[in-house]
């Protein structure tokens, strides 16, 4: 089996999952289902074809429920199967653009500090899987990054 790394962007719809061989994207998956539905299905397919070595996921900010589900699922998978889990903040995969918090509030990355900002018009900065990855760019800190904006 081909040894690969996997990147998971689960914070919004569609959920994006990329498979990387030698740090280069070789296959991608996209799902409009909830992460609780799509993650097991997609990972089952990946594990039938590839030998996963490492998983990178977006630990936040974003949908709290999506972060929780992804973290529990991926952490459990890593413990059971012996994969290594890495984390990164979501701004890594949307060109550092605003990320929806709730209502008209959006998360912002202000020189490494995550804040919230109100926008009257909806902000649409889609997430994208990178064409290449370097594991050293990601953190071994994998606990969810929960940012609770002031109401």
N, C-alpha and C. Protein backbone atom coordinates (compact mmCIF):
# COMPACT_ATOMS: atom_id res chain seq x y z
N UNK A 1 0.83 -1.19 0.00
CA UNK A 1 0.00 0.00 0.00
C UNK A 1 0.87 1.24 0.00
N UNK A 2 0.39 2.25 -0.69
CA UNK A 2 1.07 3.53 -0.79
C UNK A 2 0.96 4.28 0.53
N UNK A 3 2.09 4.78 1.07
CA UNK A 3 2.10 5.53 2.32
C UNK A 3 1.76 6.99 2.03
N UNK A 4 0.78 7.53 2.80
CA UNK A 4 0.30 8.89 2.54
C UNK A 4 0.06 9.65 3.83
N UNK A 5 -0.08 10.96 3.67
CA UNK A 5 -0.54 11.85 4.72
C UNK A 5 -1.89 12.38 4.29
N UNK A 6 -2.72 12.79 5.25
CA UNK A 6 -4.07 13.25 4.95
C UNK A 6 -4.30 14.61 5.62
N UNK A 7 -4.92 15.53 4.88
CA UNK A 7 -5.31 16.84 5.42
C UNK A 7 -6.83 16.89 5.47
N UNK A 8 -7.38 17.33 6.62
CA UNK A 8 -8.82 17.41 6.83
C UNK A 8 -9.21 18.85 7.13
N UNK A 9 -10.11 19.41 6.32
CA UNK A 9 -10.66 20.75 6.55
C UNK A 9 -12.16 20.55 6.78
N UNK A 10 -12.56 20.53 8.05
CA UNK A 10 -13.91 20.13 8.43
C UNK A 10 -14.78 21.26 8.95
N UNK A 11 -14.32 22.49 8.87
CA UNK A 11 -14.99 23.59 9.57
C UNK A 11 -16.23 24.15 8.89
N UNK A 12 -16.42 23.84 7.63
CA UNK A 12 -17.58 24.36 6.91
C UNK A 12 -17.93 23.39 5.80
N UNK A 13 -19.00 23.68 5.11
CA UNK A 13 -19.41 22.86 3.99
C UNK A 13 -18.89 23.49 2.71
N UNK A 14 -18.30 22.73 1.83
CA UNK A 14 -18.07 21.29 1.93
C UNK A 14 -16.86 20.96 2.80
N UNK A 15 -16.89 19.76 3.38
CA UNK A 15 -15.72 19.23 4.08
C UNK A 15 -14.73 18.80 3.01
N UNK A 16 -13.47 19.16 3.20
CA UNK A 16 -12.43 18.82 2.23
C UNK A 16 -11.39 17.91 2.87
N UNK A 17 -11.02 16.88 2.14
CA UNK A 17 -9.99 15.95 2.62
C UNK A 17 -9.04 15.68 1.47
N UNK A 18 -7.75 15.87 1.72
CA UNK A 18 -6.74 15.64 0.70
C UNK A 18 -5.80 14.52 1.11
N UNK A 19 -5.40 13.73 0.12
CA UNK A 19 -4.43 12.64 0.32
C UNK A 19 -3.14 13.06 -0.36
N UNK A 20 -2.02 12.96 0.38
CA UNK A 20 -0.73 13.46 -0.09
C UNK A 20 0.31 12.34 -0.09
N UNK A 21 0.96 12.17 -1.22
CA UNK A 21 2.09 11.26 -1.31
C UNK A 21 3.34 12.10 -1.51
N UNK A 22 4.34 11.87 -0.68
CA UNK A 22 5.57 12.68 -0.74
C UNK A 22 5.25 14.17 -0.75
N UNK A 23 4.29 14.57 0.08
CA UNK A 23 3.89 15.97 0.28
C UNK A 23 3.13 16.59 -0.89
N UNK A 24 2.74 15.81 -1.88
CA UNK A 24 2.02 16.32 -3.05
C UNK A 24 0.61 15.75 -3.07
N UNK A 25 -0.39 16.62 -3.29
CA UNK A 25 -1.79 16.21 -3.33
C UNK A 25 -2.01 15.24 -4.50
N UNK A 26 -2.50 14.03 -4.19
CA UNK A 26 -2.75 13.05 -5.24
C UNK A 26 -4.23 12.70 -5.37
N UNK A 27 -5.03 13.00 -4.34
CA UNK A 27 -6.46 12.71 -4.41
C UNK A 27 -7.18 13.63 -3.42
N UNK A 28 -8.36 14.09 -3.81
CA UNK A 28 -9.14 14.92 -2.89
C UNK A 28 -10.57 14.42 -2.82
N UNK A 29 -11.18 14.67 -1.66
CA UNK A 29 -12.56 14.31 -1.40
C UNK A 29 -13.28 15.56 -0.93
N UNK A 30 -14.55 15.65 -1.28
CA UNK A 30 -15.38 16.78 -0.86
C UNK A 30 -16.75 16.22 -0.48
N UNK A 31 -17.32 16.71 0.62
CA UNK A 31 -18.62 16.22 1.05
C UNK A 31 -19.46 17.35 1.63
N UNK A 32 -20.72 17.36 1.26
CA UNK A 32 -21.68 18.32 1.81
C UNK A 32 -22.42 17.75 3.02
N UNK A 33 -22.10 16.52 3.41
CA UNK A 33 -22.72 15.91 4.58
C UNK A 33 -22.09 16.46 5.86
N UNK A 34 -22.76 16.23 6.98
CA UNK A 34 -22.18 16.59 8.27
C UNK A 34 -20.89 15.80 8.48
N UNK A 35 -19.97 16.36 9.24
CA UNK A 35 -18.70 15.66 9.48
C UNK A 35 -18.92 14.31 10.16
N UNK A 36 -19.93 14.20 11.00
CA UNK A 36 -20.21 12.92 11.66
C UNK A 36 -20.59 11.84 10.65
N UNK A 37 -21.12 12.22 9.51
CA UNK A 37 -21.50 11.28 8.45
C UNK A 37 -20.36 11.06 7.46
N UNK A 38 -19.70 12.13 7.08
CA UNK A 38 -18.72 12.04 5.98
C UNK A 38 -17.35 11.53 6.41
N UNK A 39 -16.88 11.90 7.59
CA UNK A 39 -15.53 11.49 7.99
C UNK A 39 -15.36 9.97 8.02
N UNK A 40 -16.27 9.21 8.66
CA UNK A 40 -16.08 7.75 8.65
C UNK A 40 -16.11 7.15 7.24
N UNK A 41 -17.02 7.63 6.40
CA UNK A 41 -17.12 7.09 5.04
C UNK A 41 -15.86 7.36 4.23
N UNK A 42 -15.39 8.59 4.28
CA UNK A 42 -14.21 8.96 3.49
C UNK A 42 -12.96 8.25 4.02
N UNK A 43 -12.81 8.20 5.33
CA UNK A 43 -11.62 7.54 5.88
C UNK A 43 -11.64 6.04 5.62
N UNK A 44 -12.81 5.44 5.61
CA UNK A 44 -12.89 4.03 5.26
C UNK A 44 -12.37 3.81 3.85
N UNK A 45 -12.78 4.67 2.93
CA UNK A 45 -12.31 4.56 1.55
C UNK A 45 -10.80 4.79 1.45
N UNK A 46 -10.30 5.80 2.14
CA UNK A 46 -8.86 6.09 2.10
C UNK A 46 -8.07 4.91 2.66
N UNK A 47 -8.51 4.37 3.81
CA UNK A 47 -7.76 3.28 4.45
C UNK A 47 -7.83 1.98 3.67
N UNK A 48 -8.80 1.83 2.79
CA UNK A 48 -8.87 0.65 1.93
C UNK A 48 -7.85 0.71 0.79
N UNK A 49 -7.39 1.92 0.48
CA UNK A 49 -6.49 2.11 -0.66
C UNK A 49 -5.06 2.45 -0.23
N UNK A 50 -4.94 3.24 0.85
CA UNK A 50 -3.65 3.80 1.25
C UNK A 50 -3.29 3.41 2.68
N UNK A 51 -2.02 3.56 3.00
CA UNK A 51 -1.53 3.41 4.36
C UNK A 51 -1.25 4.80 4.92
N UNK A 52 -2.12 5.27 5.80
CA UNK A 52 -1.99 6.61 6.36
C UNK A 52 -0.84 6.64 7.36
N UNK A 53 -0.01 7.68 7.26
CA UNK A 53 1.09 7.90 8.20
C UNK A 53 0.74 9.03 9.17
N UNK A 54 0.25 10.15 8.64
CA UNK A 54 -0.02 11.36 9.42
C UNK A 54 -1.33 11.99 8.97
N UNK A 55 -1.98 12.67 9.91
CA UNK A 55 -3.21 13.41 9.60
C UNK A 55 -3.04 14.84 10.12
N UNK A 56 -3.39 15.81 9.30
CA UNK A 56 -3.41 17.23 9.69
C UNK A 56 -4.86 17.66 9.66
N UNK A 57 -5.32 18.34 10.72
CA UNK A 57 -6.69 18.85 10.70
C UNK A 57 -6.73 20.29 11.18
N UNK A 58 -7.81 20.98 10.80
CA UNK A 58 -8.00 22.36 11.23
C UNK A 58 -8.65 22.34 12.60
N UNK A 59 -7.94 22.85 13.58
CA UNK A 59 -8.41 22.77 14.97
C UNK A 59 -9.23 24.00 15.37
N UNK A 60 -9.49 24.90 14.41
CA UNK A 60 -10.32 26.06 14.67
C UNK A 60 -9.65 27.32 14.18
N UNK A 61 -10.28 28.45 14.27
CA UNK A 61 -11.66 28.65 14.71
C UNK A 61 -12.65 28.27 13.61
N UNK A 62 -13.88 28.09 14.03
CA UNK A 62 -14.94 27.72 13.10
C UNK A 62 -16.07 27.06 13.85
N UNK A 63 -16.80 26.21 13.17
CA UNK A 63 -17.94 25.51 13.75
C UNK A 63 -17.49 24.65 14.94
N UNK A 64 -18.00 24.98 16.13
CA UNK A 64 -17.60 24.25 17.32
C UNK A 64 -17.94 22.76 17.21
N UNK A 65 -19.14 22.45 16.70
CA UNK A 65 -19.55 21.05 16.60
C UNK A 65 -18.66 20.30 15.61
N UNK A 66 -18.35 20.91 14.48
CA UNK A 66 -17.48 20.25 13.49
C UNK A 66 -16.09 20.01 14.07
N UNK A 67 -15.58 20.97 14.82
CA UNK A 67 -14.26 20.81 15.44
C UNK A 67 -14.28 19.66 16.44
N UNK A 68 -15.31 19.62 17.29
CA UNK A 68 -15.42 18.56 18.31
C UNK A 68 -15.49 17.18 17.67
N UNK A 69 -16.37 17.05 16.68
CA UNK A 69 -16.55 15.75 16.03
C UNK A 69 -15.26 15.31 15.35
N UNK A 70 -14.64 16.22 14.60
CA UNK A 70 -13.41 15.88 13.89
C UNK A 70 -12.31 15.49 14.87
N UNK A 71 -12.15 16.26 15.94
CA UNK A 71 -11.10 15.97 16.91
C UNK A 71 -11.29 14.59 17.54
N UNK A 72 -12.50 14.30 18.00
CA UNK A 72 -12.76 13.01 18.64
C UNK A 72 -12.55 11.87 17.64
N UNK A 73 -13.08 12.02 16.44
CA UNK A 73 -12.94 10.97 15.42
C UNK A 73 -11.47 10.76 15.06
N UNK A 74 -10.77 11.85 14.74
CA UNK A 74 -9.38 11.73 14.28
C UNK A 74 -8.44 11.29 15.41
N UNK A 75 -8.63 11.81 16.60
CA UNK A 75 -7.79 11.41 17.74
C UNK A 75 -7.99 9.92 18.03
N UNK A 76 -9.24 9.46 18.00
CA UNK A 76 -9.52 8.04 18.23
C UNK A 76 -8.87 7.18 17.15
N UNK A 77 -9.00 7.59 15.91
CA UNK A 77 -8.40 6.87 14.79
C UNK A 77 -6.89 6.79 14.95
N UNK A 78 -6.29 7.89 15.35
CA UNK A 78 -4.82 7.93 15.52
C UNK A 78 -4.37 7.02 16.66
N UNK A 79 -5.11 7.00 17.74
CA UNK A 79 -4.76 6.13 18.86
C UNK A 79 -4.89 4.67 18.46
N UNK A 80 -5.99 4.33 17.81
CA UNK A 80 -6.24 2.93 17.43
C UNK A 80 -5.28 2.45 16.36
N UNK A 81 -5.02 3.28 15.36
CA UNK A 81 -4.23 2.87 14.19
C UNK A 81 -2.76 3.28 14.25
N UNK A 82 -2.39 4.13 15.22
CA UNK A 82 -1.00 4.53 15.35
C UNK A 82 -0.57 5.65 14.40
N UNK A 83 -1.54 6.40 13.87
CA UNK A 83 -1.21 7.54 13.02
C UNK A 83 -0.75 8.70 13.91
N UNK A 84 -0.05 9.65 13.33
CA UNK A 84 0.36 10.87 14.03
C UNK A 84 -0.60 11.99 13.64
N UNK A 85 -1.13 12.72 14.63
CA UNK A 85 -2.08 13.81 14.38
C UNK A 85 -1.38 15.15 14.55
N UNK A 86 -1.62 16.04 13.60
CA UNK A 86 -1.10 17.41 13.63
C UNK A 86 -2.28 18.37 13.54
N UNK A 87 -2.10 19.58 14.05
CA UNK A 87 -3.15 20.59 13.99
C UNK A 87 -2.65 21.89 13.39
N UNK A 88 -3.58 22.67 12.91
CA UNK A 88 -3.27 24.00 12.40
C UNK A 88 -4.51 24.87 12.54
N UNK A 89 -4.33 26.18 12.51
CA UNK A 89 -5.53 27.02 12.56
C UNK A 89 -6.11 27.12 11.15
N UNK A 90 -7.37 27.38 11.08
CA UNK A 90 -8.10 27.34 9.82
C UNK A 90 -7.64 28.38 8.81
N UNK A 91 -7.04 29.45 9.28
CA UNK A 91 -6.60 30.51 8.36
C UNK A 91 -5.52 30.00 7.38
N UNK A 92 -4.88 28.91 7.75
CA UNK A 92 -3.86 28.30 6.89
C UNK A 92 -4.45 27.92 5.53
N UNK A 93 -5.72 27.56 5.51
CA UNK A 93 -6.33 27.02 4.29
C UNK A 93 -7.36 27.94 3.63
N UNK A 94 -7.45 29.20 4.04
CA UNK A 94 -8.36 30.12 3.36
C UNK A 94 -7.70 31.48 3.07
N UNK A 95 -6.40 31.45 2.92
CA UNK A 95 -5.62 32.65 2.58
C UNK A 95 -5.80 33.76 3.62
N UNK A 96 -5.97 33.35 4.90
CA UNK A 96 -6.03 34.29 6.02
C UNK A 96 -7.23 35.24 5.94
N UNK A 97 -8.33 34.75 5.38
CA UNK A 97 -9.53 35.57 5.23
C UNK A 97 -10.48 35.33 6.41
N UNK A 98 -11.51 36.20 6.58
CA UNK A 98 -12.46 36.02 7.69
C UNK A 98 -13.14 34.67 7.63
N UNK A 99 -13.42 34.11 8.82
CA UNK A 99 -14.10 32.82 8.96
C UNK A 99 -15.37 33.06 9.77
N UNK A 100 -16.47 32.59 9.28
CA UNK A 100 -17.78 32.79 9.92
C UNK A 100 -17.78 32.27 11.36
N UNK A 101 -18.21 33.14 12.29
CA UNK A 101 -18.40 32.76 13.68
C UNK A 101 -19.89 32.49 13.89
N UNK A 102 -20.68 33.54 13.93
CA UNK A 102 -22.14 33.42 13.93
C UNK A 102 -22.72 34.80 13.65
N UNK A 103 -23.98 34.80 13.22
CA UNK A 103 -24.66 36.04 12.83
C UNK A 103 -23.76 36.82 11.87
N UNK A 104 -23.44 38.06 12.23
CA UNK A 104 -22.58 38.87 11.35
C UNK A 104 -21.13 38.95 11.86
N UNK A 105 -20.81 38.11 12.85
CA UNK A 105 -19.45 38.09 13.40
C UNK A 105 -18.59 37.07 12.66
N UNK A 106 -17.34 37.46 12.44
CA UNK A 106 -16.36 36.60 11.77
C UNK A 106 -15.08 36.59 12.58
N UNK A 107 -14.40 35.45 12.55
CA UNK A 107 -13.08 35.35 13.16
C UNK A 107 -12.07 35.98 12.21
N UNK A 108 -11.12 36.68 12.79
CA UNK A 108 -10.05 37.33 12.02
C UNK A 108 -8.71 36.92 12.61
N UNK A 109 -7.70 36.81 11.76
CA UNK A 109 -6.35 36.55 12.22
C UNK A 109 -5.58 37.86 12.13
N UNK A 110 -5.36 38.49 13.28
CA UNK A 110 -4.68 39.79 13.33
C UNK A 110 -3.25 39.57 13.82
N UNK A 111 -2.35 39.29 12.88
CA UNK A 111 -0.94 39.04 13.20
C UNK A 111 -0.76 37.95 14.26
N UNK A 112 -1.50 36.86 14.09
CA UNK A 112 -1.37 35.72 14.99
C UNK A 112 -2.34 35.73 16.16
N UNK A 113 -3.05 36.83 16.36
CA UNK A 113 -4.07 36.92 17.40
C UNK A 113 -5.44 36.77 16.75
N UNK A 114 -6.23 35.83 17.24
CA UNK A 114 -7.55 35.62 16.66
C UNK A 114 -8.56 36.49 17.39
N UNK A 115 -9.24 37.31 16.61
CA UNK A 115 -10.25 38.23 17.14
C UNK A 115 -11.54 38.02 16.36
N UNK A 116 -12.58 38.78 16.73
CA UNK A 116 -13.81 38.77 15.94
C UNK A 116 -14.08 40.18 15.43
N UNK A 117 -14.76 40.21 14.30
CA UNK A 117 -15.12 41.48 13.69
C UNK A 117 -16.50 41.33 13.05
N UNK A 118 -17.30 42.38 13.16
CA UNK A 118 -18.63 42.38 12.56
C UNK A 118 -18.54 42.90 11.13
N UNK A 119 -19.21 42.18 10.23
CA UNK A 119 -19.32 42.60 8.83
C UNK A 119 -20.80 42.70 8.48
N UNK A 120 -21.20 43.78 7.84
CA UNK A 120 -22.59 43.91 7.42
C UNK A 120 -22.91 43.02 6.22
N UNK A 121 -21.93 42.83 5.35
CA UNK A 121 -22.10 41.97 4.18
C UNK A 121 -21.44 40.61 4.45
N UNK A 122 -22.06 39.52 3.99
CA UNK A 122 -21.45 38.19 4.18
C UNK A 122 -20.06 38.12 3.55
N UNK A 123 -19.15 37.48 4.25
CA UNK A 123 -17.79 37.26 3.75
C UNK A 123 -17.70 35.83 3.25
N UNK A 124 -17.19 35.64 2.07
CA UNK A 124 -17.09 34.30 1.52
C UNK A 124 -15.66 34.02 1.09
N UNK A 125 -14.92 33.35 1.94
CA UNK A 125 -13.54 32.97 1.63
C UNK A 125 -13.46 31.45 1.74
N UNK A 126 -13.64 30.75 0.64
CA UNK A 126 -13.67 29.29 0.71
C UNK A 126 -12.32 28.70 1.14
N UNK A 127 -12.41 27.56 1.79
CA UNK A 127 -11.22 26.82 2.16
C UNK A 127 -10.72 26.06 0.94
N UNK A 128 -9.40 25.86 0.87
CA UNK A 128 -8.79 25.13 -0.25
C UNK A 128 -7.72 24.19 0.27
N UNK A 129 -7.69 23.00 -0.31
CA UNK A 129 -6.60 22.08 0.00
C UNK A 129 -5.34 22.57 -0.70
N UNK A 130 -4.21 22.58 0.00
CA UNK A 130 -2.97 23.00 -0.66
C UNK A 130 -2.50 21.91 -1.64
N UNK A 131 -1.80 22.33 -2.66
CA UNK A 131 -1.24 21.39 -3.66
C UNK A 131 -0.10 20.58 -3.05
N UNK A 132 0.62 21.20 -2.11
CA UNK A 132 1.72 20.52 -1.42
C UNK A 132 1.63 20.84 0.08
N UNK A 133 2.20 19.96 0.89
CA UNK A 133 2.26 20.19 2.33
C UNK A 133 3.67 19.90 2.83
N UNK A 134 3.97 20.43 4.01
CA UNK A 134 5.22 20.14 4.71
C UNK A 134 4.84 19.97 6.18
N UNK A 135 4.95 18.76 6.70
CA UNK A 135 4.49 18.48 8.06
C UNK A 135 5.12 19.40 9.10
N UNK A 136 6.32 19.86 8.84
CA UNK A 136 6.98 20.75 9.81
C UNK A 136 6.26 22.10 9.92
N UNK A 137 5.36 22.41 8.98
CA UNK A 137 4.58 23.65 9.05
C UNK A 137 3.41 23.54 10.03
N UNK A 138 3.11 22.33 10.49
CA UNK A 138 1.95 22.10 11.33
C UNK A 138 2.38 21.79 12.76
N UNK A 139 1.46 21.95 13.68
CA UNK A 139 1.77 21.82 15.10
C UNK A 139 1.40 20.45 15.65
N UNK A 140 2.15 20.03 16.66
CA UNK A 140 1.79 18.82 17.38
C UNK A 140 0.72 19.13 18.42
N UNK A 141 0.38 20.41 18.57
CA UNK A 141 -0.73 20.82 19.43
C UNK A 141 -2.02 20.55 18.66
N UNK A 142 -2.81 19.61 19.15
CA UNK A 142 -3.99 19.19 18.39
C UNK A 142 -5.31 19.44 19.11
N UNK A 143 -5.26 19.94 20.35
CA UNK A 143 -6.53 20.18 21.04
C UNK A 143 -7.30 21.26 20.29
N UNK A 144 -8.63 21.16 20.28
CA UNK A 144 -9.44 22.14 19.55
C UNK A 144 -9.18 23.56 19.99
N UNK A 145 -9.24 24.45 19.03
CA UNK A 145 -9.03 25.88 19.25
C UNK A 145 -10.40 26.53 19.31
N UNK A 146 -10.97 26.58 20.50
CA UNK A 146 -12.30 27.18 20.67
C UNK A 146 -12.14 28.65 20.99
N UNK A 147 -12.68 29.48 20.15
CA UNK A 147 -12.68 30.93 20.39
C UNK A 147 -14.13 31.33 20.55
N UNK A 148 -14.47 31.81 21.70
CA UNK A 148 -15.86 32.23 21.95
C UNK A 148 -15.95 33.74 21.85
N UNK A 149 -16.56 34.23 20.76
CA UNK A 149 -16.68 35.67 20.63
C UNK A 149 -17.67 36.25 21.63
N UNK A 150 -17.45 37.48 22.03
CA UNK A 150 -18.39 38.17 22.92
C UNK A 150 -19.69 38.40 22.17
N UNK A 151 -20.78 38.22 22.87
CA UNK A 151 -22.11 38.37 22.23
C UNK A 151 -22.58 39.78 22.38
